[in-house]
Amino acid sequence: MTTLSLKHFAVLALPMAALAMTTSVNAQEWTPSRSIEFVAPANPGGGWDTLVRTMSRVIQQEELADESFAAINVPGGGGAVAWAQVARDSGNPHKLFATSPPMILVPLAGASRYDHTDFTPIARINTDYSIILVSADSEYQNLDDLFAALKDNPSLSVGGGSAPGSMDHISVAGLASAAGMKASSVNYIPFSGGGDAMTNLMGGHIEAVIGGAGEAVGQLGEGSQLRALGVSSEERLGGGLAEVPTYQEQGYDYTFDIWRGVMGAPEMPEEAVEYYETLFAEMLETDAWREASDQLGWIDAYQDSDAFATFLDEQQEQFSSVLTDLGLMRQ
């Protein structure tokens, strides 16, 4: 029987240790081998679309990635159509999609067979807020005017770019409750995206639109065809939204936070998740991102994959209670 000394063990261990280190480094150095499909689960003009296109532009402008991020719109079902497509592409490290509260709300309402646990959390990116918009020639000058009309005539409608029981609906229902109405009494009209909702507002088919402040900021200002009645933040936002009063300023004790993040296909490889986590964290530190965020009224709220996964579980528990109160929780 051959006896090996400690010296022999050390010599044998060196190649194995080097191999382990090489494997680890290779895993961490994964990079995309082709263009990344970056899906906005709605038509152009909404919050998801704005996030996807802004992130893609900043990443390209700052040369943070060798491969491009291709913005793709997949509308329908408040996000459910896009989620079904992504779910079929399990393991694909080159497919991402923008996400926000509808990822929790739509499945809870029974409008999607997929929920957040079916996908790979990548990172939470930022926070936005809801905003109430009317046409510039509307008779409604403030929230009191709008909700007085809604109370007098329950058939008057408020439109949004997400499905019943989803983000925009929950947001305006909560505001209606703060205004002394039954949350379930709001005549909410869902559209396939913020752009469609705005078109119907300008056509006089609905009284008001509720959407993300970030997606609305570019349509406000001098000469705008829109008027903003209020924003759901605790304090006034900066940039092009500085003149918009908060709900609380107008006596409505209510705020609503629209977080936004990025998720990937099911079973995405861990090394790909690490790559995107690092990339997005670097993106948030660029001047181009800060400038875009200031213009859009966004507030950075970064979380890595693990923290984002925990946050999503907490959101599911919180929104389950809200939907139950509205009678919209699936049975």
Protein backbone atom coordinates (compact mmCIF):
# COMPACT_ATOMS: atom_id res chain seq x y z
CA MET A 1 0.00 0.00 0.00
CA THR A 2 1.37 3.41 -1.00
CA THR A 3 1.61 6.05 1.71
CA LEU A 4 1.08 9.71 0.71
CA SER A 5 2.63 12.51 2.74
CA LEU A 6 0.95 15.85 3.51
CA LYS A 7 3.16 17.31 0.79
CA HIS A 8 1.60 14.93 -1.74
CA PHE A 9 -1.88 15.90 -0.60
CA ALA A 10 -1.00 19.57 -1.04
CA VAL A 11 0.29 18.97 -4.56
CA LEU A 12 -2.84 17.04 -5.49
CA ALA A 13 -5.09 19.65 -3.94
CA LEU A 14 -3.65 22.53 -5.96
CA PRO A 15 -5.10 21.49 -9.35
CA MET A 16 -8.46 20.74 -7.74
CA ALA A 17 -8.55 24.12 -6.02
CA ALA A 18 -7.53 25.84 -9.23
CA LEU A 19 -10.27 23.98 -11.08
CA ALA A 20 -12.87 25.04 -8.50
CA MET A 21 -11.75 28.66 -8.75
CA THR A 22 -11.85 28.52 -12.54
CA THR A 23 -15.35 27.08 -12.48
CA SER A 24 -16.51 29.79 -10.09
CA VAL A 25 -14.97 32.56 -12.17
CA ASN A 26 -16.46 31.18 -15.36
CA ALA A 27 -19.90 31.05 -13.75
CA GLN A 28 -19.60 34.66 -12.62
CA GLU A 29 -18.30 35.79 -16.03
CA TRP A 30 -21.36 34.67 -18.00
CA THR A 31 -22.39 37.23 -20.58
CA PRO A 32 -25.18 37.21 -23.16
CA SER A 33 -24.32 35.61 -26.48
CA ARG A 34 -27.08 37.36 -28.41
CA SER A 35 -29.53 40.24 -28.14
CA ILE A 36 -31.73 40.17 -25.04
CA GLU A 37 -35.49 40.15 -25.57
CA PHE A 38 -36.78 42.73 -23.09
CA VAL A 39 -40.55 42.42 -22.96
CA ALA A 40 -43.01 45.14 -21.97
CA PRO A 41 -46.26 43.19 -21.28
CA ALA A 42 -48.48 45.96 -22.71
CA ASN A 43 -48.86 48.33 -25.64
CA PRO A 44 -46.48 51.28 -26.10
CA GLY A 45 -47.06 54.27 -23.85
CA GLY A 46 -47.47 52.62 -20.46
CA GLY A 47 -45.25 52.22 -17.42
CA TRP A 48 -43.76 48.88 -18.44
CA ASP A 49 -42.97 50.19 -21.91
CA THR A 50 -41.37 53.34 -20.48
CA LEU A 51 -39.20 51.31 -18.11
CA VAL A 52 -38.06 48.85 -20.79
CA ARG A 53 -37.19 51.53 -23.34
CA THR A 54 -35.48 53.78 -20.80
CA MET A 55 -33.35 50.95 -19.41
CA SER A 56 -32.46 49.72 -22.90
CA ARG A 57 -31.46 53.21 -24.01
CA VAL A 58 -29.30 53.93 -20.95
CA ILE A 59 -27.53 50.56 -21.14
CA GLN A 60 -26.70 51.19 -24.80
CA GLN A 61 -25.79 54.84 -24.30
CA GLU A 62 -23.46 54.04 -21.39
CA GLU A 63 -22.02 50.98 -23.21
CA LEU A 64 -22.71 48.74 -20.21
CA ALA A 65 -23.37 45.60 -22.29
CA ASP A 66 -21.95 44.18 -25.51
CA GLU A 67 -25.33 42.89 -26.65
CA SER A 68 -28.39 45.06 -27.23
CA PHE A 69 -31.62 44.98 -25.23
CA ALA A 70 -34.47 44.74 -27.73
CA ALA A 71 -37.72 46.28 -26.46
CA ILE A 72 -40.70 44.09 -27.38
CA ASN A 73 -44.36 44.90 -26.66
CA VAL A 74 -46.64 41.94 -25.90
CA PRO A 75 -50.03 43.39 -24.82
CA GLY A 76 -53.08 41.61 -23.47
CA GLY A 77 -54.71 40.47 -20.26
CA GLY A 78 -53.02 43.04 -18.04
CA GLY A 79 -49.73 41.23 -18.62
CA ALA A 80 -51.06 37.67 -18.72
CA VAL A 81 -50.43 37.17 -22.46
CA ALA A 82 -46.76 38.10 -22.14
CA TRP A 83 -46.31 36.00 -19.00
CA ALA A 84 -47.69 32.94 -20.78
CA GLN A 85 -45.19 33.43 -23.59
CA VAL A 86 -42.24 33.88 -21.23
CA ALA A 87 -43.31 30.87 -19.16
CA ARG A 88 -42.92 28.65 -22.23
CA ASP A 89 -39.27 29.70 -22.59
CA SER A 90 -37.95 28.09 -19.41
CA GLY A 91 -34.21 28.34 -18.87
CA ASN A 92 -33.67 31.05 -21.50
CA PRO A 93 -31.14 33.56 -20.09
CA HIS A 94 -31.82 36.01 -22.91
CA LYS A 95 -35.44 36.83 -22.08
CA LEU A 96 -36.48 39.43 -19.51
CA PHE A 97 -39.67 41.34 -18.79
CA ALA A 98 -40.66 44.45 -16.87
CA THR A 99 -42.84 43.88 -13.84
CA SER A 100 -44.82 45.85 -11.25
CA PRO A 101 -47.86 45.28 -8.98
CA PRO A 102 -49.99 43.61 -11.73
CA MET A 103 -47.60 40.65 -11.50
CA ILE A 104 -49.17 40.05 -8.09
CA LEU A 105 -52.67 41.41 -8.62
CA VAL A 106 -53.69 39.82 -11.92
CA PRO A 107 -53.05 36.21 -10.78
CA LEU A 108 -54.77 36.88 -7.44
CA ALA A 109 -57.85 38.03 -9.34
CA GLY A 110 -57.81 34.81 -11.33
CA ALA A 111 -56.89 36.43 -14.67
CA SER A 112 -53.59 34.58 -15.13
CA ARG A 113 -52.53 31.00 -14.45
CA TYR A 114 -48.98 32.25 -13.80
CA ASP A 115 -47.83 34.27 -10.81
CA HIS A 116 -44.49 35.67 -9.67
CA THR A 117 -43.32 32.32 -8.31
CA ASP A 118 -43.28 30.90 -11.85
CA PHE A 119 -40.52 33.28 -12.96
CA THR A 120 -37.01 34.33 -11.96
CA PRO A 121 -36.77 37.56 -9.96
CA ILE A 122 -33.83 39.64 -11.19
CA ALA A 123 -34.00 43.03 -9.47
CA ARG A 124 -36.36 45.72 -8.27
CA ILE A 125 -35.38 48.93 -10.02
CA ASN A 126 -37.41 51.90 -8.85
CA THR A 127 -40.63 53.36 -7.51
CA ASP A 128 -43.24 55.44 -9.30
CA TYR A 129 -46.61 56.79 -8.22
CA SER A 130 -50.15 56.97 -9.56
CA ILE A 131 -51.48 60.14 -11.16
CA ILE A 132 -55.04 61.22 -12.03
CA LEU A 133 -55.38 62.93 -15.41
CA VAL A 134 -58.26 64.68 -17.17
CA SER A 135 -58.37 66.54 -20.47
CA ALA A 136 -57.20 70.16 -20.36
CA ASP A 137 -60.70 71.43 -21.14
CA SER A 138 -62.36 69.25 -18.48
CA GLU A 139 -64.69 70.84 -15.95
CA TYR A 140 -62.76 69.05 -13.17
CA GLN A 141 -60.13 71.33 -11.66
CA ASN A 142 -59.18 69.16 -8.68
CA LEU A 143 -59.91 65.85 -6.97
CA ASP A 144 -62.92 67.28 -5.12
CA ASP A 145 -64.57 68.15 -8.44
CA LEU A 146 -63.93 64.70 -9.91
CA PHE A 147 -65.14 62.68 -6.94
CA ALA A 148 -68.19 64.86 -6.41
CA ALA A 149 -69.18 63.99 -10.00
CA LEU A 150 -68.43 60.28 -9.51
CA LYS A 151 -70.59 60.21 -6.39
CA ASP A 152 -73.48 61.97 -8.14
CA ASN A 153 -73.28 59.77 -11.23
CA PRO A 154 -71.80 56.28 -10.63
CA SER A 155 -71.88 55.54 -14.37
CA LEU A 156 -69.07 58.03 -14.99
CA SER A 157 -65.87 56.10 -15.60
CA VAL A 158 -62.17 56.23 -14.85
CA GLY A 159 -59.88 54.39 -17.24
CA GLY A 160 -56.54 52.70 -16.70
CA GLY A 161 -54.00 50.63 -18.56
CA SER A 162 -54.34 47.45 -16.53
CA ALA A 163 -56.94 44.75 -15.99
CA PRO A 164 -59.78 44.82 -13.41
CA GLY A 165 -58.33 44.10 -10.00
CA SER A 166 -54.89 45.13 -11.16
CA MET A 167 -52.67 48.08 -10.31
CA ASP A 168 -54.58 51.04 -11.75
CA HIS A 169 -57.91 49.67 -10.52
CA ILE A 170 -56.60 49.06 -7.00
CA SER A 171 -55.02 52.50 -6.93
CA VAL A 172 -58.17 54.43 -7.90
CA ALA A 173 -60.37 52.21 -5.71
CA GLY A 174 -58.23 53.06 -2.71
CA LEU A 175 -58.44 56.76 -3.52
CA ALA A 176 -62.22 56.52 -3.90
CA SER A 177 -62.41 54.91 -0.47
CA ALA A 178 -60.40 57.82 0.95
CA ALA A 179 -62.92 60.13 -0.74
CA GLY A 180 -65.78 58.49 1.15
CA MET A 181 -67.00 56.19 -1.62
CA LYS A 182 -67.27 52.43 -1.59
CA ALA A 183 -64.11 51.18 -3.26
CA SER A 184 -66.11 48.72 -5.34
CA SER A 185 -68.42 51.46 -6.67
CA VAL A 186 -65.80 53.02 -8.98
CA ASN A 187 -66.70 52.43 -12.64
CA TYR A 188 -63.20 51.40 -13.70
CA ILE A 189 -62.64 50.77 -17.44
CA PRO A 190 -59.58 48.67 -18.32
CA PHE A 191 -57.55 49.27 -21.48
CA SER A 192 -54.66 47.33 -22.95
CA GLY A 193 -52.15 50.01 -21.99
CA GLY A 194 -51.71 53.60 -20.87
CA GLY A 195 -51.67 54.82 -24.47
CA ASP A 196 -55.11 53.34 -25.20
CA ALA A 197 -56.51 54.78 -21.98
CA MET A 198 -55.22 58.23 -22.93
CA THR A 199 -56.74 57.98 -26.41
CA ASN A 200 -60.15 57.23 -24.90
CA LEU A 201 -59.79 60.13 -22.48
CA MET A 202 -59.06 62.57 -25.29
CA GLY A 203 -61.99 61.11 -27.22
CA GLY A 204 -64.35 61.92 -24.37
CA HIS A 205 -65.23 58.28 -23.66
CA ILE A 206 -64.08 58.37 -20.04
CA GLU A 207 -63.91 61.11 -17.40
CA ALA A 208 -60.36 60.55 -16.19
CA VAL A 209 -57.34 58.29 -16.47
CA ILE A 210 -55.26 56.84 -13.69
CA GLY A 211 -51.75 55.73 -14.57
CA GLY A 212 -48.11 55.97 -13.64
CA ALA A 213 -46.75 59.46 -13.06
CA GLY A 214 -43.56 58.55 -14.90
CA GLU A 215 -45.38 57.69 -18.10
CA ALA A 216 -47.47 60.89 -17.94
CA VAL A 217 -44.77 63.47 -17.30
CA GLY A 218 -43.82 63.81 -20.96
CA GLN A 219 -47.43 64.66 -21.86
CA LEU A 220 -47.82 67.45 -19.30
CA GLY A 221 -46.54 71.01 -19.26
CA GLU A 222 -47.28 74.17 -21.21
CA GLY A 223 -49.66 73.60 -24.09
CA SER A 224 -50.60 70.11 -22.91
CA GLN A 225 -53.97 68.60 -23.73
CA LEU A 226 -54.01 67.08 -20.24
CA ARG A 227 -54.45 68.33 -16.71
CA ALA A 228 -53.11 66.45 -13.69
CA LEU A 229 -55.42 66.51 -10.67
CA GLY A 230 -53.20 64.74 -8.17
CA VAL A 231 -50.36 62.32 -7.53
CA SER A 232 -50.21 59.48 -4.97
CA SER A 233 -46.80 60.33 -3.46
CA GLU A 234 -46.32 61.53 0.09
CA GLU A 235 -44.58 64.68 -1.13
CA ARG A 236 -44.60 66.54 -4.42
CA LEU A 237 -42.38 65.05 -7.09
CA GLY A 238 -39.65 66.94 -8.91
CA GLY A 239 -39.04 67.70 -12.55
CA GLY A 240 -42.05 68.08 -14.79
CA LEU A 241 -44.41 67.00 -11.98
CA ALA A 242 -43.42 69.65 -9.44
CA GLU A 243 -46.68 71.57 -9.93
CA VAL A 244 -48.95 68.55 -9.40
CA PRO A 245 -50.45 68.47 -5.87
CA THR A 246 -50.47 65.25 -3.89
CA TYR A 247 -53.67 63.51 -2.82
CA GLN A 248 -52.79 64.33 0.78
CA GLU A 249 -52.47 68.06 0.03
CA GLN A 250 -56.08 67.93 -1.12
CA GLY A 251 -57.32 66.21 2.02
CA TYR A 252 -57.22 62.58 0.83
CA ASP A 253 -55.27 60.46 3.30
CA TYR A 254 -53.98 57.98 0.76
CA THR A 255 -50.73 57.11 -1.03
CA PHE A 256 -49.91 54.42 -3.57
CA ASP A 257 -46.45 53.14 -4.49
CA ILE A 258 -45.85 51.67 -7.97
CA TRP A 259 -42.66 49.65 -7.72
CA ARG A 260 -41.09 48.39 -10.93
CA GLY A 261 -38.55 45.70 -11.55
CA VAL A 262 -37.27 43.04 -13.91
CA MET A 263 -37.91 39.31 -13.99
CA GLY A 264 -36.65 36.55 -16.25
CA ALA A 265 -37.80 33.27 -17.72
CA PRO A 266 -38.37 30.33 -15.36
CA GLU A 267 -35.28 28.42 -14.24
CA MET A 268 -32.87 31.07 -15.45
CA PRO A 269 -29.27 30.01 -14.72
CA GLU A 270 -27.84 31.56 -11.55
CA GLU A 271 -24.84 33.00 -13.39
CA ALA A 272 -27.18 34.89 -15.72
CA VAL A 273 -29.10 36.30 -12.75
CA GLU A 274 -25.81 37.51 -11.25
CA TYR A 275 -24.85 39.17 -14.53
CA TYR A 276 -28.12 41.11 -14.75
CA GLU A 277 -28.08 42.05 -11.06
CA THR A 278 -24.65 43.62 -11.50
CA LEU A 279 -25.55 45.27 -14.80
CA PHE A 280 -28.68 46.94 -13.44
CA ALA A 281 -26.92 48.09 -10.26
CA GLU A 282 -24.27 49.73 -12.45
CA MET A 283 -26.95 51.29 -14.66
CA LEU A 284 -28.54 53.01 -11.66
CA GLU A 285 -25.24 54.77 -10.93
CA THR A 286 -24.94 56.42 -14.35
CA ASP A 287 -25.63 60.07 -15.07
CA ALA A 288 -27.90 59.07 -17.95
CA TRP A 289 -30.12 57.06 -15.61
CA ARG A 290 -30.25 59.80 -13.00
CA GLU A 291 -31.25 62.32 -15.65
CA ALA A 292 -33.98 60.05 -17.02
CA SER A 293 -35.27 59.28 -13.51
CA ASP A 294 -35.47 62.96 -12.65
CA GLN A 295 -37.44 63.69 -15.81
CA LEU A 296 -39.83 60.79 -15.18
CA GLY A 297 -40.29 61.32 -11.45
CA TRP A 298 -38.81 57.91 -10.62
CA ILE A 299 -37.10 57.08 -7.33
CA ASP A 300 -34.43 54.37 -7.28
CA ALA A 301 -35.38 51.41 -5.08
CA TYR A 302 -32.89 48.69 -6.05
CA GLN A 303 -33.13 45.18 -4.62
CA ASP A 304 -31.13 42.18 -5.75
CA SER A 305 -32.74 38.89 -6.74
CA ASP A 306 -33.10 37.42 -3.25
CA ALA A 307 -34.43 40.61 -1.64
CA PHE A 308 -36.81 41.15 -4.56
CA ALA A 309 -38.17 37.61 -4.22
CA THR A 310 -38.94 38.22 -0.54
CA PHE A 311 -40.56 41.57 -1.36
CA LEU A 312 -42.80 39.92 -3.98
CA ASP A 313 -44.02 37.36 -1.44
CA GLU A 314 -44.87 40.19 0.95
CA GLN A 315 -46.73 42.06 -1.78
CA GLN A 316 -48.80 38.96 -2.52
CA GLU A 317 -49.91 38.76 1.11
CA GLN A 318 -50.73 42.49 1.25
CA PHE A 319 -52.71 42.60 -2.01
CA SER A 320 -54.64 39.46 -1.14
CA SER A 321 -56.25 41.43 1.67
CA VAL A 322 -57.05 44.42 -0.60
CA LEU A 323 -58.65 42.29 -3.31
CA THR A 324 -60.72 40.45 -0.74
CA ASP A 325 -62.11 43.78 0.48
CA LEU A 326 -63.02 44.69 -3.10
CA GLY A 327 -64.66 41.34 -3.72
CA LEU A 328 -62.23 40.67 -6.55
CA MET A 329 -60.21 37.84 -5.00
CA ARG A 330 -60.55 34.65 -7.01
CA GLN A 331 -62.45 31.94 -5.20
